[in-house]
């Protein structure tokens, strides 16, 4: 009887240990899977931001530059839609592209800064956006990300610094009539604002 009782205790202990190990393994594997998902989202978000920045760089270097030689026939404005001979500023191109991207994808892209031009001076930054800008200022690699829940869905918010990489961009931001900061505030390499990509973790 004693042997049977001992065997039952051993079996019980083994079952409890197996259950305990199974639970630990589940949480470890879930944690590893989520980390891989987050790493992939961050990597893809950086690529998406780089693509947008390349489009803006091309537009600035090869379209804006050429058309500015003919100011009599071409002008640039934030209010460019349905206007004859009127093209968007490079920053407006990015704003327009992020809206198009967000309308066709599960991911959403936003461009924002603590120094908006006067045409966007009424925009109010959210608590997260203020936090993201502060973190990006401190960041050496120009990236910050955080898990969040938006509309009941678990998402990853990846924020990437938007640097001033072209002299033309610096000159425009330092001299534009809609600027809302002192002259010569910006220089090459400054973090002008951020691009945020919000992606469902599912």
N, C-alpha and C. Protein backbone atom coordinates (compact mmCIF):
# COMPACT_ATOMS: atom_id res chain seq x y z
N UNK A 1 0.83 -1.21 0.00
CA UNK A 1 0.00 0.00 0.00
C UNK A 1 0.86 1.26 0.00
N UNK A 2 1.95 1.16 0.80
CA UNK A 2 2.86 2.29 0.90
C UNK A 2 3.54 2.56 -0.44
N UNK A 3 3.93 1.47 -1.14
CA UNK A 3 4.57 1.61 -2.45
C UNK A 3 3.62 2.30 -3.45
N UNK A 4 2.37 1.87 -3.43
CA UNK A 4 1.37 2.45 -4.34
C UNK A 4 1.17 3.93 -4.04
N UNK A 5 1.12 4.26 -2.75
CA UNK A 5 0.95 5.65 -2.32
C UNK A 5 2.14 6.49 -2.75
N UNK A 6 3.33 5.93 -2.63
CA UNK A 6 4.56 6.65 -3.03
C UNK A 6 4.56 6.89 -4.52
N UNK A 7 4.14 5.82 -5.27
CA UNK A 7 4.10 5.95 -6.73
C UNK A 7 3.11 7.04 -7.14
N UNK A 8 1.95 7.07 -6.47
CA UNK A 8 0.94 8.09 -6.76
C UNK A 8 1.47 9.50 -6.50
N UNK A 9 2.24 9.64 -5.41
CA UNK A 9 2.82 10.94 -5.08
C UNK A 9 3.82 11.36 -6.15
N UNK A 10 4.65 10.39 -6.57
CA UNK A 10 5.66 10.68 -7.60
C UNK A 10 4.98 11.09 -8.90
N UNK A 11 3.92 10.33 -9.29
CA UNK A 11 3.18 10.65 -10.52
C UNK A 11 2.56 12.04 -10.41
N UNK A 12 2.01 12.34 -9.24
CA UNK A 12 1.40 13.65 -9.01
C UNK A 12 2.41 14.78 -9.13
N UNK A 13 3.57 14.55 -8.50
CA UNK A 13 4.64 15.56 -8.56
C UNK A 13 5.10 15.75 -10.01
N UNK A 14 5.26 14.63 -10.74
CA UNK A 14 5.68 14.69 -12.15
C UNK A 14 4.67 15.45 -13.00
N UNK A 15 3.38 15.23 -12.75
CA UNK A 15 2.34 15.93 -13.50
C UNK A 15 2.38 17.43 -13.22
N UNK A 16 2.55 17.78 -11.93
CA UNK A 16 2.62 19.20 -11.56
C UNK A 16 3.85 19.85 -12.20
N UNK A 17 5.00 19.14 -12.14
CA UNK A 17 6.22 19.67 -12.75
C UNK A 17 6.06 19.83 -14.26
N UNK A 18 5.43 18.83 -14.89
CA UNK A 18 5.22 18.89 -16.35
C UNK A 18 4.34 20.08 -16.72
N UNK A 19 3.29 20.26 -15.92
CA UNK A 19 2.38 21.39 -16.16
C UNK A 19 3.12 22.71 -15.98
N UNK A 20 3.92 22.79 -14.92
CA UNK A 20 4.68 24.00 -14.62
C UNK A 20 5.68 24.31 -15.75
N UNK A 21 6.40 23.27 -16.20
CA UNK A 21 7.37 23.42 -17.30
C UNK A 21 6.65 23.83 -18.59
N UNK A 22 5.48 23.22 -18.82
CA UNK A 22 4.69 23.54 -20.01
C UNK A 22 4.26 24.99 -20.03
N UNK A 23 3.82 25.49 -18.87
CA UNK A 23 3.39 26.89 -18.76
C UNK A 23 4.57 27.83 -19.02
N UNK A 24 5.72 27.50 -18.40
CA UNK A 24 6.92 28.32 -18.61
C UNK A 24 7.33 28.31 -20.08
N UNK A 25 7.32 27.13 -20.70
CA UNK A 25 7.70 27.00 -22.11
C UNK A 25 6.75 27.81 -23.00
N UNK A 26 5.46 27.77 -22.65
CA UNK A 26 4.47 28.53 -23.44
C UNK A 26 4.77 30.02 -23.40
N UNK A 27 5.02 30.54 -22.18
CA UNK A 27 5.27 31.96 -22.05
C UNK A 27 6.59 32.37 -22.69
N UNK A 28 7.60 31.50 -22.57
CA UNK A 28 8.90 31.80 -23.20
C UNK A 28 8.75 31.82 -24.72
N UNK A 29 8.06 30.79 -25.27
CA UNK A 29 7.90 30.74 -26.74
C UNK A 29 7.04 31.91 -27.23
N UNK A 30 6.00 32.27 -26.46
CA UNK A 30 5.15 33.42 -26.83
C UNK A 30 5.97 34.71 -26.82
N UNK A 31 6.84 34.82 -25.81
CA UNK A 31 7.68 36.01 -25.71
C UNK A 31 8.66 36.09 -26.87
N UNK A 32 9.24 34.95 -27.26
CA UNK A 32 10.19 34.91 -28.39
C UNK A 32 9.47 35.25 -29.69
N UNK A 33 8.27 34.68 -29.88
CA UNK A 33 7.49 34.96 -31.10
C UNK A 33 7.15 36.44 -31.18
N UNK A 34 6.68 37.02 -30.07
CA UNK A 34 6.32 38.44 -30.08
C UNK A 34 7.54 39.31 -30.34
N UNK A 35 8.69 38.93 -29.75
CA UNK A 35 9.92 39.71 -29.98
C UNK A 35 10.29 39.68 -31.47
N UNK A 36 10.16 38.51 -32.11
CA UNK A 36 10.46 38.40 -33.54
C UNK A 36 9.51 39.26 -34.37
N UNK A 37 8.22 39.24 -33.99
CA UNK A 37 7.23 40.05 -34.70
C UNK A 37 7.58 41.53 -34.56
N UNK A 38 7.90 41.95 -33.34
CA UNK A 38 8.25 43.36 -33.09
C UNK A 38 9.50 43.75 -33.87
N UNK A 39 10.52 42.88 -33.86
CA UNK A 39 11.75 43.17 -34.62
C UNK A 39 11.46 43.35 -36.11
N UNK A 40 10.58 42.49 -36.64
CA UNK A 40 10.22 42.59 -38.07
C UNK A 40 9.44 43.87 -38.37
N UNK A 41 8.51 44.23 -37.48
CA UNK A 41 7.74 45.46 -37.68
C UNK A 41 8.66 46.67 -37.66
N UNK A 42 9.60 46.71 -36.70
CA UNK A 42 10.54 47.83 -36.61
C UNK A 42 11.38 47.91 -37.88
N UNK A 43 11.89 46.76 -38.33
CA UNK A 43 12.72 46.72 -39.54
C UNK A 43 11.93 47.21 -40.76
N UNK A 44 10.71 46.70 -40.93
CA UNK A 44 9.88 47.10 -42.08
C UNK A 44 9.47 48.56 -42.01
N UNK A 45 9.22 49.06 -40.80
CA UNK A 45 8.84 50.46 -40.63
C UNK A 45 9.98 51.38 -41.05
N UNK A 46 11.21 51.01 -40.67
CA UNK A 46 12.37 51.82 -41.07
C UNK A 46 12.52 51.84 -42.59
N UNK A 47 12.27 50.70 -43.23
CA UNK A 47 12.36 50.63 -44.70
C UNK A 47 11.29 51.51 -45.33
N UNK A 48 10.06 51.46 -44.80
CA UNK A 48 8.97 52.29 -45.34
C UNK A 48 9.29 53.78 -45.22
N UNK A 49 9.85 54.18 -44.09
CA UNK A 49 10.22 55.58 -43.88
C UNK A 49 11.32 55.98 -44.86
N UNK A 50 12.31 55.12 -45.04
CA UNK A 50 13.40 55.41 -45.97
C UNK A 50 12.87 55.59 -47.39
N UNK A 51 11.89 54.79 -47.78
CA UNK A 51 11.30 54.91 -49.12
C UNK A 51 10.63 56.27 -49.30
N UNK A 52 9.89 56.69 -48.28
CA UNK A 52 9.23 58.00 -48.35
C UNK A 52 10.28 59.12 -48.44
N UNK A 53 11.34 58.98 -47.67
CA UNK A 53 12.38 60.00 -47.67
C UNK A 53 13.11 60.05 -49.02
N UNK A 54 13.28 58.90 -49.65
CA UNK A 54 13.92 58.85 -50.97
C UNK A 54 13.04 59.55 -52.01
N UNK A 55 11.73 59.33 -51.93
CA UNK A 55 10.79 60.01 -52.84
C UNK A 55 10.91 61.52 -52.67
N UNK A 56 10.93 61.98 -51.42
CA UNK A 56 11.04 63.42 -51.16
C UNK A 56 12.38 63.97 -51.65
N UNK A 57 13.44 63.20 -51.42
CA UNK A 57 14.77 63.64 -51.86
C UNK A 57 14.81 63.79 -53.39
N UNK A 58 14.25 62.80 -54.09
CA UNK A 58 14.21 62.86 -55.55
C UNK A 58 13.39 64.06 -56.02
N UNK A 59 12.23 64.23 -55.41
CA UNK A 59 11.32 65.33 -55.78
C UNK A 59 12.02 66.68 -55.58
N UNK A 60 12.73 66.82 -54.45
CA UNK A 60 13.42 68.07 -54.15
C UNK A 60 14.57 68.33 -55.11
N UNK A 61 15.38 67.30 -55.36
CA UNK A 61 16.58 67.45 -56.18
C UNK A 61 16.28 67.65 -57.66
N UNK A 62 15.31 66.92 -58.17
CA UNK A 62 15.15 66.86 -59.62
C UNK A 62 13.86 67.48 -60.18
N UNK A 63 12.89 67.75 -59.32
CA UNK A 63 11.65 68.36 -59.81
C UNK A 63 11.55 69.80 -59.32
N UNK A 64 11.60 69.97 -58.01
CA UNK A 64 11.50 71.32 -57.46
C UNK A 64 12.63 72.21 -58.00
N UNK A 65 13.84 71.68 -57.97
CA UNK A 65 15.00 72.45 -58.42
C UNK A 65 14.83 72.94 -59.87
N UNK A 66 14.38 72.04 -60.76
CA UNK A 66 14.21 72.41 -62.17
C UNK A 66 13.07 73.40 -62.37
N UNK A 67 11.95 73.15 -61.71
CA UNK A 67 10.79 74.01 -61.93
C UNK A 67 10.95 75.40 -61.31
N UNK A 68 11.79 75.49 -60.29
CA UNK A 68 12.03 76.81 -59.69
C UNK A 68 12.77 77.74 -60.65
N UNK A 69 13.37 77.16 -61.68
CA UNK A 69 14.05 77.98 -62.69
C UNK A 69 13.04 78.72 -63.58
N UNK A 70 11.80 78.32 -63.49
CA UNK A 70 10.76 78.93 -64.31
C UNK A 70 9.60 79.41 -63.41
N UNK A 71 9.88 80.35 -62.50
CA UNK A 71 8.85 80.79 -61.53
C UNK A 71 7.66 81.49 -62.17
N UNK A 72 7.83 81.91 -63.41
CA UNK A 72 6.73 82.58 -64.10
C UNK A 72 5.58 81.63 -64.38
N UNK A 73 5.90 80.34 -64.59
CA UNK A 73 4.89 79.36 -64.95
C UNK A 73 4.56 78.35 -63.85
N UNK A 74 5.44 78.23 -62.86
CA UNK A 74 5.23 77.23 -61.81
C UNK A 74 5.31 77.87 -60.43
N UNK A 75 4.46 77.39 -59.55
CA UNK A 75 4.57 77.83 -58.15
C UNK A 75 4.32 76.64 -57.24
N UNK A 76 4.78 76.76 -56.00
CA UNK A 76 4.64 75.68 -55.02
C UNK A 76 3.78 76.16 -53.86
N UNK A 77 2.92 75.26 -53.40
CA UNK A 77 2.01 75.64 -52.32
C UNK A 77 1.53 74.40 -51.57
N UNK A 78 1.13 74.62 -50.29
CA UNK A 78 0.49 73.53 -49.55
C UNK A 78 -0.90 73.27 -50.12
N UNK A 79 -1.50 74.35 -50.61
CA UNK A 79 -2.84 74.27 -51.19
C UNK A 79 -2.68 74.10 -52.71
N UNK A 80 -2.31 72.90 -53.13
CA UNK A 80 -1.94 72.68 -54.53
C UNK A 80 -2.98 71.90 -55.34
N UNK A 81 -3.88 71.22 -54.66
CA UNK A 81 -4.80 70.33 -55.37
C UNK A 81 -5.77 71.11 -56.25
N UNK A 82 -5.93 70.63 -57.50
CA UNK A 82 -6.83 71.24 -58.47
C UNK A 82 -6.45 72.68 -58.82
N UNK A 83 -5.20 73.04 -58.62
CA UNK A 83 -4.72 74.37 -58.97
C UNK A 83 -3.78 74.25 -60.18
N UNK A 84 -4.03 75.04 -61.18
CA UNK A 84 -3.22 75.01 -62.40
C UNK A 84 -1.80 75.48 -62.11
N UNK A 85 -0.82 74.75 -62.65
CA UNK A 85 0.60 75.11 -62.54
C UNK A 85 1.07 75.21 -61.10
N UNK A 86 0.41 74.51 -60.19
CA UNK A 86 0.78 74.56 -58.77
C UNK A 86 1.15 73.16 -58.30
N UNK A 87 2.30 73.06 -57.68
CA UNK A 87 2.80 71.78 -57.20
C UNK A 87 3.00 71.83 -55.69
N UNK A 88 2.97 70.67 -55.04
CA UNK A 88 3.15 70.65 -53.58
C UNK A 88 4.61 70.85 -53.17
N UNK A 89 4.79 71.42 -51.98
CA UNK A 89 6.12 71.47 -51.39
C UNK A 89 6.56 70.03 -51.07
N UNK A 90 7.86 69.78 -50.95
CA UNK A 90 8.34 68.42 -50.62
C UNK A 90 7.70 67.83 -49.36
N UNK A 91 7.55 68.65 -48.32
CA UNK A 91 6.91 68.15 -47.09
C UNK A 91 5.45 67.79 -47.33
N UNK A 92 4.79 68.58 -48.16
CA UNK A 92 3.39 68.30 -48.49
C UNK A 92 3.27 66.98 -49.24
N UNK A 93 4.24 66.69 -50.09
CA UNK A 93 4.26 65.40 -50.81
C UNK A 93 4.24 64.26 -49.80
N UNK A 94 5.07 64.36 -48.75
CA UNK A 94 5.12 63.31 -47.74
C UNK A 94 3.79 63.21 -46.99
N UNK A 95 3.23 64.35 -46.62
CA UNK A 95 1.92 64.34 -45.94
C UNK A 95 0.86 63.64 -46.82
N UNK A 96 0.84 63.98 -48.11
CA UNK A 96 -0.13 63.39 -49.03
C UNK A 96 0.09 61.89 -49.20
N UNK A 97 1.37 61.50 -49.33
CA UNK A 97 1.69 60.07 -49.50
C UNK A 97 1.33 59.26 -48.26
N UNK A 98 1.57 59.82 -47.07
CA UNK A 98 1.23 59.08 -45.85
C UNK A 98 -0.28 58.86 -45.74
N UNK A 99 -1.06 59.85 -46.19
CA UNK A 99 -2.52 59.69 -46.18
C UNK A 99 -2.96 58.59 -47.15
N UNK A 100 -2.36 58.57 -48.34
CA UNK A 100 -2.69 57.54 -49.33
C UNK A 100 -2.30 56.16 -48.82
N UNK A 101 -1.09 56.06 -48.26
CA UNK A 101 -0.60 54.79 -47.71
C UNK A 101 -1.52 54.28 -46.61
N UNK A 102 -1.88 55.18 -45.69
CA UNK A 102 -2.72 54.81 -44.55
C UNK A 102 -4.11 54.36 -44.98
N UNK A 103 -4.62 54.92 -46.09
CA UNK A 103 -5.97 54.57 -46.54
C UNK A 103 -5.99 53.20 -47.24
N UNK A 104 -4.81 52.71 -47.63
CA UNK A 104 -4.76 51.44 -48.36
C UNK A 104 -4.07 50.32 -47.60
N UNK A 105 -3.73 50.56 -46.35
CA UNK A 105 -2.98 49.56 -45.59
C UNK A 105 -3.53 49.45 -44.18
N UNK A 106 -3.23 48.33 -43.52
CA UNK A 106 -3.61 48.20 -42.12
C UNK A 106 -2.72 49.08 -41.24
N UNK A 107 -1.52 49.39 -41.73
CA UNK A 107 -0.63 50.29 -41.03
C UNK A 107 -1.00 51.74 -41.32
N UNK A 108 -0.70 52.59 -40.37
CA UNK A 108 -0.97 54.03 -40.54
C UNK A 108 0.34 54.79 -40.37
N UNK A 109 0.52 55.83 -41.20
CA UNK A 109 1.72 56.66 -41.10
C UNK A 109 1.33 58.10 -40.79
N UNK A 110 2.07 58.70 -39.87
CA UNK A 110 1.84 60.11 -39.53
C UNK A 110 3.18 60.84 -39.50
N UNK A 111 3.15 62.08 -39.93
CA UNK A 111 4.33 62.95 -39.92
C UNK A 111 4.02 64.13 -39.00
N UNK A 112 4.87 64.34 -38.01
CA UNK A 112 4.60 65.47 -37.13
C UNK A 112 5.90 66.01 -36.51
N UNK A 113 5.77 67.22 -35.96
CA UNK A 113 6.91 67.92 -35.39
C UNK A 113 6.41 68.87 -34.31
N UNK A 114 7.30 69.27 -33.43
CA UNK A 114 6.92 70.28 -32.44
C UNK A 114 7.07 71.69 -33.02
N UNK A 115 7.54 71.75 -34.28
CA UNK A 115 7.68 73.03 -34.97
C UNK A 115 6.88 73.01 -36.28
N UNK A 116 5.57 73.08 -36.20
CA UNK A 116 4.77 73.06 -37.44
C UNK A 116 4.84 74.39 -38.17
N UNK A 117 4.68 74.35 -39.49
CA UNK A 117 4.53 75.58 -40.25
C UNK A 117 3.20 76.23 -39.85
N UNK A 118 3.06 77.52 -40.16
CA UNK A 118 1.88 78.27 -39.72
C UNK A 118 0.57 77.69 -40.26
N UNK A 119 0.62 77.02 -41.42
CA UNK A 119 -0.62 76.44 -41.94
C UNK A 119 -1.09 75.25 -41.10
N UNK A 120 -0.22 74.74 -40.21
CA UNK A 120 -0.61 73.64 -39.31
C UNK A 120 -0.48 74.04 -37.85
N UNK A 121 -0.47 75.32 -37.58
CA UNK A 121 -0.22 75.80 -36.21
C UNK A 121 -1.32 75.40 -35.22
N UNK A 122 -2.52 75.08 -35.71
CA UNK A 122 -3.62 74.70 -34.81
C UNK A 122 -3.60 73.23 -34.43
N UNK A 123 -2.70 72.48 -35.04
CA UNK A 123 -2.62 71.05 -34.72
C UNK A 123 -2.13 70.87 -33.29
N UNK A 124 -2.76 69.95 -32.56
CA UNK A 124 -2.37 69.68 -31.17
C UNK A 124 -1.76 68.29 -31.10
N UNK A 125 -0.55 68.20 -30.57
CA UNK A 125 0.12 66.91 -30.42
C UNK A 125 -0.51 66.12 -29.27
N UNK A 126 -0.63 64.81 -29.47
CA UNK A 126 -1.14 63.94 -28.41
C UNK A 126 -0.03 63.70 -27.37
N UNK A 127 -0.41 63.12 -26.25
CA UNK A 127 0.57 62.81 -25.20
C UNK A 127 1.64 61.87 -25.74
N UNK A 128 1.22 60.86 -26.55
CA UNK A 128 2.20 59.94 -27.12
C UNK A 128 3.14 60.66 -28.08
N UNK A 129 2.60 61.53 -28.92
CA UNK A 129 3.44 62.25 -29.89
C UNK A 129 4.48 63.12 -29.19
N UNK A 130 4.10 63.76 -28.10
CA UNK A 130 5.05 64.55 -27.32
C UNK A 130 6.14 63.65 -26.73
N UNK A 131 5.72 62.50 -26.22
CA UNK A 131 6.67 61.54 -25.67
C UNK A 131 7.63 61.05 -26.76
N UNK A 132 7.08 60.73 -27.93
CA UNK A 132 7.89 60.22 -29.04
C UNK A 132 8.94 61.23 -29.47
N UNK A 133 8.55 62.50 -29.60
CA UNK A 133 9.50 63.54 -30.00
C UNK A 133 10.61 63.68 -28.95
N UNK A 134 10.24 63.64 -27.67
CA UNK A 134 11.24 63.74 -26.60
C UNK A 134 12.22 62.56 -26.64
N UNK A 135 11.68 61.35 -26.87
CA UNK A 135 12.54 60.15 -26.94
C UNK A 135 13.47 60.22 -28.15
N UNK A 136 12.95 60.70 -29.28
CA UNK A 136 13.77 60.80 -30.49
C UNK A 136 14.90 61.79 -30.29
N UNK A 137 14.65 62.88 -29.58
CA UNK A 137 15.69 63.86 -29.29
C UNK A 137 16.84 63.22 -28.51
N UNK A 138 16.49 62.34 -27.59
CA UNK A 138 17.51 61.67 -26.76
C UNK A 138 18.19 60.51 -27.48
N UNK A 139 17.52 59.99 -28.51
CA UNK A 139 17.98 58.78 -29.18
C UNK A 139 19.21 59.03 -30.06
N UNK A 140 20.14 58.09 -30.00
CA UNK A 140 21.34 58.19 -30.85
C UNK A 140 21.06 57.63 -32.24
N UNK A 141 20.21 56.60 -32.33
CA UNK A 141 19.94 55.98 -33.63
C UNK A 141 18.68 56.53 -34.30
N UNK A 142 18.01 57.49 -33.64
CA UNK A 142 16.85 58.13 -34.27
C UNK A 142 15.63 57.24 -34.40
N UNK A 143 15.46 56.31 -33.45
CA UNK A 143 14.28 55.43 -33.52
C UNK A 143 13.76 55.16 -32.11
N UNK A 144 12.43 55.06 -32.01
CA UNK A 144 11.76 54.77 -30.74
C UNK A 144 10.51 53.99 -31.07
N UNK A 145 10.23 52.95 -30.26
CA UNK A 145 8.99 52.21 -30.49
C UNK A 145 8.37 51.78 -29.16
N UNK A 146 7.05 51.57 -29.23
CA UNK A 146 6.31 51.25 -28.02
C UNK A 146 5.03 50.51 -28.38
N UNK A 147 4.69 49.51 -27.56
CA UNK A 147 3.41 48.81 -27.76
C UNK A 147 2.28 49.69 -27.21
N UNK A 148 1.13 49.58 -27.86
CA UNK A 148 -0.02 50.38 -27.44
C UNK A 148 -1.29 49.65 -27.85
N UNK A 149 -2.42 50.14 -27.39
CA UNK A 149 -3.72 49.60 -27.82
C UNK A 149 -4.51 50.75 -28.42
N UNK A 150 -4.89 50.62 -29.69
CA UNK A 150 -5.66 51.65 -30.39
C UNK A 150 -6.90 50.99 -30.99
N UNK A 151 -8.06 51.53 -30.68
CA UNK A 151 -9.34 50.97 -31.15
C UNK A 151 -9.46 49.49 -30.80
N UNK A 152 -8.99 49.14 -29.61
CA UNK A 152 -9.11 47.76 -29.12
C UNK A 152 -8.10 46.79 -29.71
N UNK A 153 -7.17 47.28 -30.54
CA UNK A 153 -6.18 46.40 -31.17
C UNK A 153 -4.79 46.68 -30.61
N UNK A 154 -4.04 45.59 -30.38
CA UNK A 154 -2.66 45.75 -29.94
C UNK A 154 -1.81 46.17 -31.13
N UNK A 155 -1.10 47.28 -30.99
CA UNK A 155 -0.30 47.81 -32.10
C UNK A 155 1.12 48.11 -31.62
N UNK A 156 2.01 48.26 -32.60
CA UNK A 156 3.35 48.74 -32.31
C UNK A 156 3.51 50.10 -33.00
N UNK A 157 3.92 51.08 -32.23
CA UNK A 157 4.12 52.42 -32.76
C UNK A 157 5.62 52.64 -32.93
N UNK A 158 6.06 52.73 -34.18
CA UNK A 158 7.47 52.90 -34.48
C UNK A 158 7.68 54.33 -34.97
N UNK A 159 8.54 55.06 -34.28
CA UNK A 159 8.79 56.46 -34.59
C UNK A 159 10.23 56.61 -35.06
N UNK A 160 10.40 57.22 -36.25
CA UNK A 160 11.72 57.37 -36.86
C UNK A 160 12.00 58.85 -37.08
N UNK A 161 13.20 59.28 -36.71
CA UNK A 161 13.58 60.68 -36.88
C UNK A 161 13.60 61.08 -38.34
N UNK A 162 13.16 62.30 -38.62
CA UNK A 162 13.20 62.86 -39.97
C UNK A 162 14.29 63.93 -39.98
N UNK A 163 15.42 63.60 -40.58
CA UNK A 163 16.59 64.49 -40.55
C UNK A 163 16.57 65.49 -41.70
N UNK A 164 17.21 66.61 -41.48
CA UNK A 164 17.43 67.61 -42.54
C UNK A 164 18.68 67.17 -43.30
N UNK A 165 18.49 66.59 -44.49
CA UNK A 165 19.64 66.01 -45.18
C UNK A 165 20.04 66.76 -46.45
N UNK A 166 19.22 67.73 -46.88
CA UNK A 166 19.53 68.47 -48.10
C UNK A 166 19.64 69.97 -47.81
N UNK A 167 20.63 70.65 -48.39
CA UNK A 167 20.73 72.10 -48.21
C UNK A 167 19.45 72.83 -48.63
N UNK A 168 18.80 72.34 -49.69
CA UNK A 168 17.56 72.98 -50.16
C UNK A 168 16.48 72.95 -49.08
N UNK A 169 16.41 71.83 -48.34
CA UNK A 169 15.41 71.71 -47.26
C UNK A 169 15.72 72.69 -46.13
N UNK A 170 17.01 72.79 -45.78
CA UNK A 170 17.43 73.71 -44.72
C UNK A 170 17.10 75.15 -45.12
N UNK A 171 17.45 75.51 -46.36
CA UNK A 171 17.20 76.88 -46.84
C UNK A 171 15.71 77.21 -46.82
N UNK A 172 14.90 76.26 -47.28
CA UNK A 172 13.45 76.49 -47.31
C UNK A 172 12.89 76.67 -45.90
N UNK A 173 13.28 75.79 -44.99
CA UNK A 173 12.74 75.86 -43.63
C UNK A 173 13.24 77.11 -42.88
N UNK A 174 14.39 77.62 -43.27
CA UNK A 174 14.92 78.81 -42.60
C UNK A 174 14.40 80.12 -43.18
N UNK A 175 13.78 80.05 -44.37
CA UNK A 175 13.37 81.31 -45.01
C UNK A 175 11.90 81.36 -45.42
N UNK A 176 11.18 80.27 -45.28
CA UNK A 176 9.81 80.23 -45.79
C UNK A 176 8.90 81.22 -45.05
N UNK A 177 7.97 81.82 -45.78
CA UNK A 177 7.08 82.83 -45.19
C UNK A 177 6.14 82.25 -44.14
N UNK A 178 5.93 80.93 -44.18
CA UNK A 178 5.04 80.30 -43.20
C UNK A 178 5.80 79.68 -42.02
N UNK A 179 7.10 79.97 -41.92
CA UNK A 179 7.87 79.40 -40.81
C UNK A 179 7.41 80.02 -39.50
N UNK A 180 7.57 79.27 -38.43
CA UNK A 180 7.09 79.70 -37.12
C UNK A 180 8.23 79.62 -36.10
N UNK A 181 9.45 79.99 -36.55
CA UNK A 181 10.64 79.89 -35.72
C UNK A 181 11.64 80.95 -36.18
N UNK A 182 12.69 81.19 -35.41
CA UNK A 182 13.67 82.23 -35.78
C UNK A 182 14.43 81.89 -37.06
N UNK A 183 14.96 82.92 -37.72
CA UNK A 183 15.80 82.71 -38.90
C UNK A 183 17.00 81.83 -38.55
N UNK A 184 17.40 81.04 -39.54
CA UNK A 184 18.61 80.21 -39.40
C UNK A 184 18.56 79.23 -38.22
N UNK A 185 17.36 78.81 -37.88
CA UNK A 185 17.23 77.83 -36.79
C UNK A 185 17.80 76.47 -37.20
N UNK A 186 17.59 76.09 -38.47
CA UNK A 186 17.90 74.73 -38.90
C UNK A 186 19.25 74.65 -39.61
N UNK A 187 19.90 73.48 -39.43
CA UNK A 187 21.14 73.20 -40.15
C UNK A 187 21.12 71.74 -40.58
N UNK A 188 22.02 71.39 -41.50
CA UNK A 188 22.09 70.00 -41.99
C UNK A 188 22.29 69.03 -40.83
N UNK A 189 21.55 67.92 -40.88
CA UNK A 189 21.69 66.88 -39.86
C UNK A 189 20.74 67.02 -38.68
N UNK A 190 20.04 68.17 -38.58
CA UNK A 190 19.09 68.35 -37.48
C UNK A 190 17.91 67.37 -37.62
N UNK A 191 17.35 66.98 -36.46
CA UNK A 191 16.12 66.18 -36.45
C UNK A 191 14.95 67.16 -36.58
N UNK A 192 14.34 67.19 -37.75
CA UNK A 192 13.29 68.18 -38.03
C UNK A 192 11.95 67.78 -37.43
N UNK A 193 11.68 66.51 -37.42
CA UNK A 193 10.41 65.98 -36.90
C UNK A 193 10.50 64.47 -36.91
N UNK A 194 9.36 63.81 -36.97
CA UNK A 194 9.36 62.34 -36.96
C UNK A 194 8.31 61.79 -37.93
N UNK A 195 8.54 60.58 -38.35
CA UNK A 195 7.54 59.80 -39.07
C UNK A 195 7.19 58.62 -38.19
N UNK A 196 5.91 58.45 -37.93
CA UNK A 196 5.45 57.34 -37.08
C UNK A 196 4.63 56.36 -37.90
N UNK A 197 4.97 55.08 -37.75
CA UNK A 197 4.18 54.03 -38.39
C UNK A 197 3.52 53.18 -37.32
N UNK A 198 2.19 53.07 -37.40
CA UNK A 198 1.42 52.29 -36.42
C UNK A 198 0.97 51.00 -37.10
N UNK A 199 1.44 49.87 -36.59
CA UNK A 199 1.17 48.57 -37.21
C UNK A 199 0.52 47.61 -36.22
N UNK A 200 -0.59 46.96 -36.60
CA UNK A 200 -1.20 45.94 -35.72
C UNK A 200 -0.21 44.80 -35.48
N UNK A 201 -0.02 44.42 -34.23
CA UNK A 201 0.92 43.34 -33.91
C UNK A 201 0.37 42.00 -34.39
N UNK A 202 -0.94 41.87 -34.51
CA UNK A 202 -1.53 40.63 -35.02
C UNK A 202 -0.99 40.26 -36.39
